[in-house]
Amino acid sequence: MVNIRTIRKANLLAQIARFGSQRAFAEEAGLVPAHVSQMVTERRNMGDEVARRIEKNLNLADGYMDLQHQQQGYAHPKRTNHHNRVAENDSEALKTLLLKADQMQQRLSAKTRKVILRIERAAMEGKLSDEDWEIVVRLIDRLERDS
């Protein structure tokens, strides 16, 4: 069963992979490396306060650590000497694509990520009506025309 503990743990592991090590992640997130290690080994759980601190210090949208994201469940893809992602098979290609999408999202402003996260959360909770979806689609169509 997926619960907040497993979601936060998966997001923690994804962020550690993003920074390359627990120590580098801890420094950026404003946490003590030993605390990060305890969360990874499940000797400690990530509470609300730590989740919000991670989001704030890493410029993630509010609530990011509480939601499932596409990057969960895949291994860190291999890199070449030029640090480009290399796909070895279809599975690896999918993993690479998901990682690139996550990296692109990280380049968005915090405000943009927050809006996207709020829409995603509302959609996951079934709170968007057909009319709401039509508004979102019209907005996206307008933005695509303007660019």
N, C-alpha and C. Protein backbone atom coordinates (compact mmCIF):
# COMPACT_ATOMS: atom_id res chain seq x y z
N MET A 1 0.84 -1.18 0.00
CA MET A 1 0.00 0.00 0.00
C MET A 1 0.88 1.25 0.00
N VAL A 2 0.52 2.20 -0.81
CA VAL A 2 1.26 3.44 -0.88
C VAL A 2 0.71 4.40 0.17
N ASN A 3 1.60 4.90 0.99
CA ASN A 3 1.20 5.88 1.99
C ASN A 3 2.22 7.02 1.98
N ILE A 4 2.01 8.01 2.83
CA ILE A 4 2.86 9.19 2.84
C ILE A 4 4.31 8.83 3.15
N ARG A 5 4.53 7.84 4.00
CA ARG A 5 5.90 7.42 4.34
C ARG A 5 6.62 6.88 3.12
N THR A 6 5.95 6.01 2.35
CA THR A 6 6.61 5.42 1.18
C THR A 6 6.80 6.46 0.08
N ILE A 7 5.86 7.37 -0.07
CA ILE A 7 5.98 8.43 -1.07
C ILE A 7 7.16 9.34 -0.72
N ARG A 8 7.23 9.76 0.53
CA ARG A 8 8.33 10.64 0.95
C ARG A 8 9.68 9.93 0.83
N LYS A 9 9.71 8.66 1.17
CA LYS A 9 10.98 7.91 1.06
C LYS A 9 11.41 7.83 -0.41
N ALA A 10 10.48 7.54 -1.31
CA ALA A 10 10.81 7.47 -2.74
C ALA A 10 11.30 8.83 -3.24
N ASN A 11 10.64 9.90 -2.81
CA ASN A 11 11.07 11.24 -3.22
C ASN A 11 12.43 11.59 -2.64
N LEU A 12 12.67 11.16 -1.40
CA LEU A 12 13.98 11.37 -0.78
C LEU A 12 15.06 10.68 -1.60
N LEU A 13 14.84 9.42 -1.96
CA LEU A 13 15.83 8.68 -2.73
C LEU A 13 16.06 9.32 -4.11
N ALA A 14 14.98 9.81 -4.72
CA ALA A 14 15.11 10.47 -6.02
C ALA A 14 15.94 11.75 -5.91
N GLN A 15 15.71 12.51 -4.84
CA GLN A 15 16.48 13.75 -4.66
C GLN A 15 17.95 13.44 -4.34
N ILE A 16 18.20 12.40 -3.56
CA ILE A 16 19.58 12.00 -3.28
C ILE A 16 20.27 11.62 -4.59
N ALA A 17 19.58 10.86 -5.44
CA ALA A 17 20.15 10.48 -6.74
C ALA A 17 20.41 11.72 -7.59
N ARG A 18 19.53 12.69 -7.51
CA ARG A 18 19.70 13.93 -8.27
C ARG A 18 20.98 14.66 -7.88
N PHE A 19 21.32 14.63 -6.58
CA PHE A 19 22.51 15.32 -6.10
C PHE A 19 23.75 14.43 -6.09
N GLY A 20 23.56 13.13 -6.33
CA GLY A 20 24.71 12.24 -6.47
C GLY A 20 25.17 11.55 -5.20
N SER A 21 24.79 12.07 -4.04
CA SER A 21 25.18 11.43 -2.78
C SER A 21 24.31 11.95 -1.65
N GLN A 22 24.27 11.17 -0.57
CA GLN A 22 23.51 11.61 0.59
C GLN A 22 24.10 12.89 1.17
N ARG A 23 25.42 12.96 1.19
CA ARG A 23 26.09 14.12 1.77
C ARG A 23 25.78 15.39 0.97
N ALA A 24 25.88 15.31 -0.35
CA ALA A 24 25.59 16.48 -1.19
C ALA A 24 24.13 16.90 -1.04
N PHE A 25 23.24 15.92 -1.01
CA PHE A 25 21.82 16.23 -0.80
C PHE A 25 21.62 16.91 0.55
N ALA A 26 22.22 16.34 1.59
CA ALA A 26 22.05 16.89 2.95
C ALA A 26 22.50 18.34 3.01
N GLU A 27 23.63 18.64 2.39
CA GLU A 27 24.14 20.01 2.40
C GLU A 27 23.17 20.96 1.72
N GLU A 28 22.66 20.58 0.56
CA GLU A 28 21.74 21.44 -0.18
C GLU A 28 20.39 21.58 0.53
N ALA A 29 19.96 20.49 1.17
CA ALA A 29 18.65 20.48 1.82
C ALA A 29 18.69 21.08 3.23
N GLY A 30 19.89 21.37 3.74
CA GLY A 30 20.00 21.94 5.07
C GLY A 30 19.76 20.92 6.18
N LEU A 31 20.18 19.68 5.92
CA LEU A 31 20.01 18.61 6.89
C LEU A 31 21.36 18.05 7.31
N VAL A 32 21.39 17.40 8.44
CA VAL A 32 22.60 16.72 8.91
C VAL A 32 22.71 15.40 8.15
N PRO A 33 23.88 15.05 7.60
CA PRO A 33 24.01 13.80 6.85
C PRO A 33 23.54 12.56 7.63
N ALA A 34 23.78 12.52 8.93
CA ALA A 34 23.34 11.37 9.72
C ALA A 34 21.82 11.25 9.73
N HIS A 35 21.14 12.39 9.75
CA HIS A 35 19.67 12.38 9.71
C HIS A 35 19.18 11.82 8.38
N VAL A 36 19.82 12.23 7.29
CA VAL A 36 19.46 11.71 5.97
C VAL A 36 19.67 10.20 5.93
N SER A 37 20.80 9.75 6.44
CA SER A 37 21.09 8.32 6.47
C SER A 37 20.02 7.55 7.25
N GLN A 38 19.58 8.11 8.36
CA GLN A 38 18.55 7.45 9.17
C GLN A 38 17.21 7.39 8.43
N MET A 39 16.91 8.41 7.64
CA MET A 39 15.67 8.37 6.86
C MET A 39 15.77 7.33 5.75
N VAL A 40 16.95 7.22 5.14
CA VAL A 40 17.15 6.24 4.06
C VAL A 40 17.01 4.82 4.61
N THR A 41 17.58 4.56 5.77
CA THR A 41 17.52 3.22 6.36
C THR A 41 16.25 2.98 7.17
N GLU A 42 15.37 3.96 7.19
CA GLU A 42 14.06 3.91 7.86
C GLU A 42 14.16 3.79 9.37
N ARG A 43 15.29 4.21 9.95
CA ARG A 43 15.35 4.31 11.40
C ARG A 43 14.56 5.52 11.85
N ARG A 44 14.41 6.50 10.96
CA ARG A 44 13.58 7.68 11.23
C ARG A 44 12.70 7.92 10.01
N ASN A 45 11.52 8.43 10.27
CA ASN A 45 10.62 8.81 9.18
C ASN A 45 10.75 10.30 8.92
N MET A 46 10.40 10.70 7.72
CA MET A 46 10.42 12.11 7.37
C MET A 46 9.09 12.72 7.81
N GLY A 47 9.16 13.65 8.73
CA GLY A 47 7.96 14.35 9.17
C GLY A 47 7.64 15.54 8.30
N ASP A 48 6.54 16.20 8.61
CA ASP A 48 6.11 17.36 7.85
C ASP A 48 7.16 18.47 7.86
N GLU A 49 7.74 18.73 9.01
CA GLU A 49 8.71 19.82 9.13
C GLU A 49 9.93 19.59 8.23
N VAL A 50 10.44 18.38 8.21
CA VAL A 50 11.61 18.06 7.38
C VAL A 50 11.22 18.10 5.90
N ALA A 51 10.06 17.58 5.57
CA ALA A 51 9.61 17.60 4.17
C ALA A 51 9.51 19.04 3.66
N ARG A 52 8.93 19.93 4.47
CA ARG A 52 8.81 21.34 4.06
C ARG A 52 10.19 22.00 3.95
N ARG A 53 11.11 21.67 4.87
CA ARG A 53 12.46 22.24 4.82
C ARG A 53 13.17 21.81 3.53
N ILE A 54 13.04 20.54 3.17
CA ILE A 54 13.65 20.05 1.93
C ILE A 54 13.08 20.81 0.74
N GLU A 55 11.75 20.93 0.68
CA GLU A 55 11.10 21.64 -0.43
C GLU A 55 11.59 23.08 -0.51
N LYS A 56 11.67 23.74 0.62
CA LYS A 56 12.09 25.14 0.65
C LYS A 56 13.54 25.28 0.19
N ASN A 57 14.43 24.47 0.77
CA ASN A 57 15.86 24.61 0.48
C ASN A 57 16.24 24.14 -0.92
N LEU A 58 15.45 23.25 -1.51
CA LEU A 58 15.73 22.78 -2.86
C LEU A 58 14.86 23.47 -3.91
N ASN A 59 14.11 24.48 -3.48
CA ASN A 59 13.21 25.23 -4.38
C ASN A 59 12.20 24.32 -5.07
N LEU A 60 11.66 23.37 -4.31
CA LEU A 60 10.61 22.50 -4.83
C LEU A 60 9.27 23.12 -4.45
N ALA A 61 8.26 22.78 -5.21
CA ALA A 61 6.92 23.31 -4.92
C ALA A 61 6.43 22.79 -3.57
N ASP A 62 5.60 23.59 -2.91
CA ASP A 62 5.01 23.16 -1.64
C ASP A 62 4.27 21.84 -1.84
N GLY A 63 4.52 20.87 -0.99
CA GLY A 63 3.86 19.58 -1.08
C GLY A 63 4.53 18.58 -2.01
N TYR A 64 5.62 18.99 -2.66
CA TYR A 64 6.32 18.11 -3.62
C TYR A 64 6.69 16.77 -3.00
N MET A 65 7.19 16.79 -1.78
CA MET A 65 7.66 15.54 -1.14
C MET A 65 6.49 14.63 -0.78
N ASP A 66 5.26 15.13 -0.82
CA ASP A 66 4.10 14.34 -0.43
C ASP A 66 3.38 13.69 -1.61
N LEU A 67 3.82 13.96 -2.83
CA LEU A 67 3.15 13.43 -4.02
C LEU A 67 4.06 12.50 -4.80
N GLN A 68 3.46 11.49 -5.42
CA GLN A 68 4.23 10.59 -6.27
C GLN A 68 4.60 11.33 -7.55
N HIS A 69 5.82 11.05 -8.04
CA HIS A 69 6.30 11.67 -9.26
C HIS A 69 6.79 10.59 -10.20
N GLN A 70 6.90 10.91 -11.47
CA GLN A 70 7.27 9.93 -12.48
C GLN A 70 8.64 9.30 -12.27
N GLN A 71 9.56 10.03 -11.67
CA GLN A 71 10.91 9.50 -11.55
C GLN A 71 11.02 8.35 -10.56
N GLN A 72 9.98 8.10 -9.79
CA GLN A 72 10.07 7.07 -8.76
C GLN A 72 10.17 5.70 -9.40
N GLY A 73 10.99 4.86 -8.77
CA GLY A 73 11.06 3.46 -9.16
C GLY A 73 12.03 3.14 -10.26
N TYR A 74 12.89 4.05 -10.68
CA TYR A 74 13.87 3.68 -11.69
C TYR A 74 15.26 3.99 -11.21
N ALA A 75 16.18 3.20 -11.73
CA ALA A 75 17.58 3.35 -11.33
C ALA A 75 18.18 4.58 -11.98
N HIS A 76 19.24 5.05 -11.41
CA HIS A 76 19.97 6.19 -11.96
C HIS A 76 20.64 5.76 -13.25
N PRO A 77 20.26 6.28 -14.43
CA PRO A 77 20.84 5.86 -15.69
C PRO A 77 22.34 6.16 -15.76
N LYS A 78 23.04 5.38 -16.60
CA LYS A 78 24.48 5.55 -16.76
C LYS A 78 24.79 6.82 -17.55
N ARG A 79 25.98 7.38 -17.33
CA ARG A 79 26.41 8.59 -18.03
C ARG A 79 27.62 8.26 -18.89
N THR A 80 27.81 9.04 -19.94
CA THR A 80 29.03 8.93 -20.72
C THR A 80 30.04 9.90 -20.12
N ASN A 81 31.23 9.98 -20.73
CA ASN A 81 32.24 10.93 -20.24
C ASN A 81 31.76 12.36 -20.36
N HIS A 82 30.83 12.62 -21.25
CA HIS A 82 30.31 13.98 -21.45
C HIS A 82 29.06 14.22 -20.62
N HIS A 83 28.73 13.29 -19.73
CA HIS A 83 27.57 13.40 -18.85
C HIS A 83 26.25 13.43 -19.59
N ASN A 84 26.21 12.84 -20.77
CA ASN A 84 24.95 12.70 -21.49
C ASN A 84 24.34 11.36 -21.12
N ARG A 85 23.02 11.32 -21.04
CA ARG A 85 22.34 10.07 -20.72
C ARG A 85 22.42 9.12 -21.92
N VAL A 86 22.69 7.84 -21.66
CA VAL A 86 22.79 6.86 -22.71
C VAL A 86 21.77 5.75 -22.45
N ALA A 87 20.94 5.47 -23.43
CA ALA A 87 19.95 4.41 -23.29
C ALA A 87 20.52 3.12 -23.86
N GLU A 88 20.48 2.04 -23.05
CA GLU A 88 21.01 0.75 -23.50
C GLU A 88 19.92 -0.14 -24.08
N ASN A 89 18.66 0.09 -23.74
CA ASN A 89 17.54 -0.68 -24.27
C ASN A 89 16.27 0.14 -24.08
N ASP A 90 15.13 -0.44 -24.45
CA ASP A 90 13.87 0.31 -24.35
C ASP A 90 13.58 0.74 -22.92
N SER A 91 13.82 -0.13 -21.98
CA SER A 91 13.57 0.21 -20.58
C SER A 91 14.45 1.36 -20.15
N GLU A 92 15.71 1.29 -20.53
CA GLU A 92 16.64 2.36 -20.18
C GLU A 92 16.25 3.66 -20.89
N ALA A 93 15.75 3.56 -22.11
CA ALA A 93 15.31 4.75 -22.85
C ALA A 93 14.15 5.42 -22.12
N LEU A 94 13.21 4.62 -21.62
CA LEU A 94 12.09 5.18 -20.87
C LEU A 94 12.58 5.85 -19.59
N LYS A 95 13.48 5.20 -18.89
CA LYS A 95 14.03 5.77 -17.66
C LYS A 95 14.73 7.09 -17.97
N THR A 96 15.48 7.12 -19.05
CA THR A 96 16.20 8.34 -19.43
C THR A 96 15.22 9.46 -19.77
N LEU A 97 14.16 9.14 -20.50
CA LEU A 97 13.14 10.12 -20.86
C LEU A 97 12.48 10.70 -19.61
N LEU A 98 12.13 9.83 -18.65
CA LEU A 98 11.50 10.30 -17.42
C LEU A 98 12.43 11.19 -16.63
N LEU A 99 13.70 10.83 -16.59
CA LEU A 99 14.67 11.65 -15.87
C LEU A 99 14.83 13.02 -16.53
N LYS A 100 14.88 13.04 -17.85
CA LYS A 100 15.00 14.32 -18.56
C LYS A 100 13.78 15.20 -18.32
N ALA A 101 12.59 14.59 -18.29
CA ALA A 101 11.38 15.36 -18.00
C ALA A 101 11.44 15.95 -16.60
N ASP A 102 11.93 15.17 -15.65
CA ASP A 102 12.07 15.68 -14.28
C ASP A 102 13.09 16.82 -14.23
N GLN A 103 14.20 16.66 -14.96
CA GLN A 103 15.22 17.71 -14.99
C GLN A 103 14.66 18.99 -15.62
N MET A 104 13.84 18.84 -16.66
CA MET A 104 13.24 20.02 -17.28
C MET A 104 12.32 20.72 -16.29
N GLN A 105 11.56 19.93 -15.53
CA GLN A 105 10.65 20.53 -14.55
C GLN A 105 11.44 21.29 -13.50
N GLN A 106 12.62 20.79 -13.13
CA GLN A 106 13.43 21.45 -12.11
C GLN A 106 13.91 22.83 -12.59
N ARG A 107 13.97 23.03 -13.91
CA ARG A 107 14.40 24.32 -14.45
C ARG A 107 13.30 25.37 -14.41
N LEU A 108 12.08 24.94 -14.16
CA LEU A 108 10.97 25.88 -14.08
C LEU A 108 11.08 26.70 -12.80
N SER A 109 10.48 27.85 -12.81
CA SER A 109 10.48 28.67 -11.60
C SER A 109 9.69 27.97 -10.51
N ALA A 110 9.97 28.33 -9.29
CA ALA A 110 9.27 27.74 -8.15
C ALA A 110 7.76 28.01 -8.26
N LYS A 111 7.41 29.20 -8.72
CA LYS A 111 6.00 29.56 -8.86
C LYS A 111 5.31 28.66 -9.89
N THR A 112 5.97 28.42 -11.02
CA THR A 112 5.41 27.56 -12.06
C THR A 112 5.26 26.14 -11.56
N ARG A 113 6.30 25.62 -10.90
CA ARG A 113 6.22 24.25 -10.35
C ARG A 113 5.08 24.13 -9.35
N LYS A 114 4.88 25.18 -8.56
CA LYS A 114 3.82 25.15 -7.54
C LYS A 114 2.45 25.07 -8.22
N VAL A 115 2.25 25.84 -9.28
CA VAL A 115 0.97 25.82 -9.99
C VAL A 115 0.74 24.45 -10.61
N ILE A 116 1.77 23.90 -11.26
CA ILE A 116 1.66 22.58 -11.87
C ILE A 116 1.34 21.53 -10.82
N LEU A 117 2.01 21.61 -9.69
CA LEU A 117 1.78 20.66 -8.61
C LEU A 117 0.35 20.75 -8.08
N ARG A 118 -0.17 21.97 -7.96
CA ARG A 118 -1.54 22.15 -7.47
C ARG A 118 -2.55 21.56 -8.46
N ILE A 119 -2.31 21.76 -9.76
CA ILE A 119 -3.21 21.18 -10.77
C ILE A 119 -3.12 19.66 -10.72
N GLU A 120 -1.88 19.14 -10.62
CA GLU A 120 -1.68 17.69 -10.54
C GLU A 120 -2.40 17.11 -9.32
N ARG A 121 -2.26 17.76 -8.19
CA ARG A 121 -2.88 17.28 -6.95
C ARG A 121 -4.41 17.26 -7.09
N ALA A 122 -4.96 18.34 -7.64
CA ALA A 122 -6.42 18.40 -7.83
C ALA A 122 -6.89 17.31 -8.79
N ALA A 123 -6.12 17.06 -9.84
CA ALA A 123 -6.48 16.01 -10.79
C ALA A 123 -6.42 14.63 -10.14
N MET A 124 -5.38 14.38 -9.35
CA MET A 124 -5.23 13.09 -8.68
C MET A 124 -6.35 12.86 -7.67
N GLU A 125 -6.85 13.92 -7.08
CA GLU A 125 -7.92 13.81 -6.09
C GLU A 125 -9.31 13.85 -6.75
N GLY A 126 -9.35 13.92 -8.08
CA GLY A 126 -10.62 13.92 -8.79
C GLY A 126 -11.42 15.20 -8.63
N LYS A 127 -10.75 16.30 -8.34
CA LYS A 127 -11.44 17.56 -8.08
C LYS A 127 -11.65 18.42 -9.32
N LEU A 128 -11.11 18.02 -10.47
CA LEU A 128 -11.26 18.82 -11.68
C LEU A 128 -12.46 18.34 -12.49
N SER A 129 -13.37 19.25 -12.73
CA SER A 129 -14.56 18.93 -13.53
C SER A 129 -14.20 19.01 -15.01
N ASP A 130 -15.13 18.59 -15.86
CA ASP A 130 -14.92 18.72 -17.31
C ASP A 130 -14.69 20.18 -17.68
N GLU A 131 -15.43 21.07 -17.03
CA GLU A 131 -15.27 22.50 -17.30
C GLU A 131 -13.86 22.97 -16.91
N ASP A 132 -13.37 22.48 -15.77
CA ASP A 132 -12.01 22.84 -15.34
C ASP A 132 -10.99 22.40 -16.38
N TRP A 133 -11.15 21.16 -16.88
CA TRP A 133 -10.20 20.65 -17.87
C TRP A 133 -10.25 21.47 -19.15
N GLU A 134 -11.46 21.89 -19.55
CA GLU A 134 -11.59 22.72 -20.74
C GLU A 134 -10.85 24.04 -20.56
N ILE A 135 -10.92 24.62 -19.38
CA ILE A 135 -10.20 25.87 -19.09
C ILE A 135 -8.69 25.64 -19.19
N VAL A 136 -8.21 24.55 -18.61
CA VAL A 136 -6.78 24.25 -18.66
C VAL A 136 -6.33 24.05 -20.11
N VAL A 137 -7.10 23.30 -20.88
CA VAL A 137 -6.75 23.04 -22.28
C VAL A 137 -6.75 24.34 -23.08
N ARG A 138 -7.75 25.19 -22.87
CA ARG A 138 -7.79 26.49 -23.58
C ARG A 138 -6.57 27.34 -23.22
N LEU A 139 -6.19 27.34 -21.95
CA LEU A 139 -5.01 28.10 -21.52
C LEU A 139 -3.76 27.57 -22.21
N ILE A 140 -3.59 26.27 -22.23
CA ILE A 140 -2.41 25.67 -22.87
C ILE A 140 -2.41 25.99 -24.36
N ASP A 141 -3.56 25.85 -25.02
CA ASP A 141 -3.66 26.17 -26.45
C ASP A 141 -3.25 27.62 -26.71
N ARG A 142 -3.73 28.53 -25.86
CA ARG A 142 -3.38 29.95 -26.03
C ARG A 142 -1.89 30.17 -25.84
N LEU A 143 -1.31 29.55 -24.84
CA LEU A 143 0.12 29.71 -24.59
C LEU A 143 0.96 29.15 -25.73
N GLU A 144 0.52 28.03 -26.30
CA GLU A 144 1.25 27.45 -27.43
C GLU A 144 1.16 28.33 -28.66
N ARG A 145 0.02 28.97 -28.87
CA ARG A 145 -0.14 29.88 -30.01
C ARG A 145 0.75 31.12 -29.85
N ASP A 146 0.87 31.60 -28.61
CA ASP A 146 1.64 32.82 -28.34
C ASP A 146 3.14 32.60 -28.40
N SER A 147 3.58 31.35 -28.33
CA SER A 147 5.04 31.12 -28.33
C SER A 147 5.58 30.81 -29.68
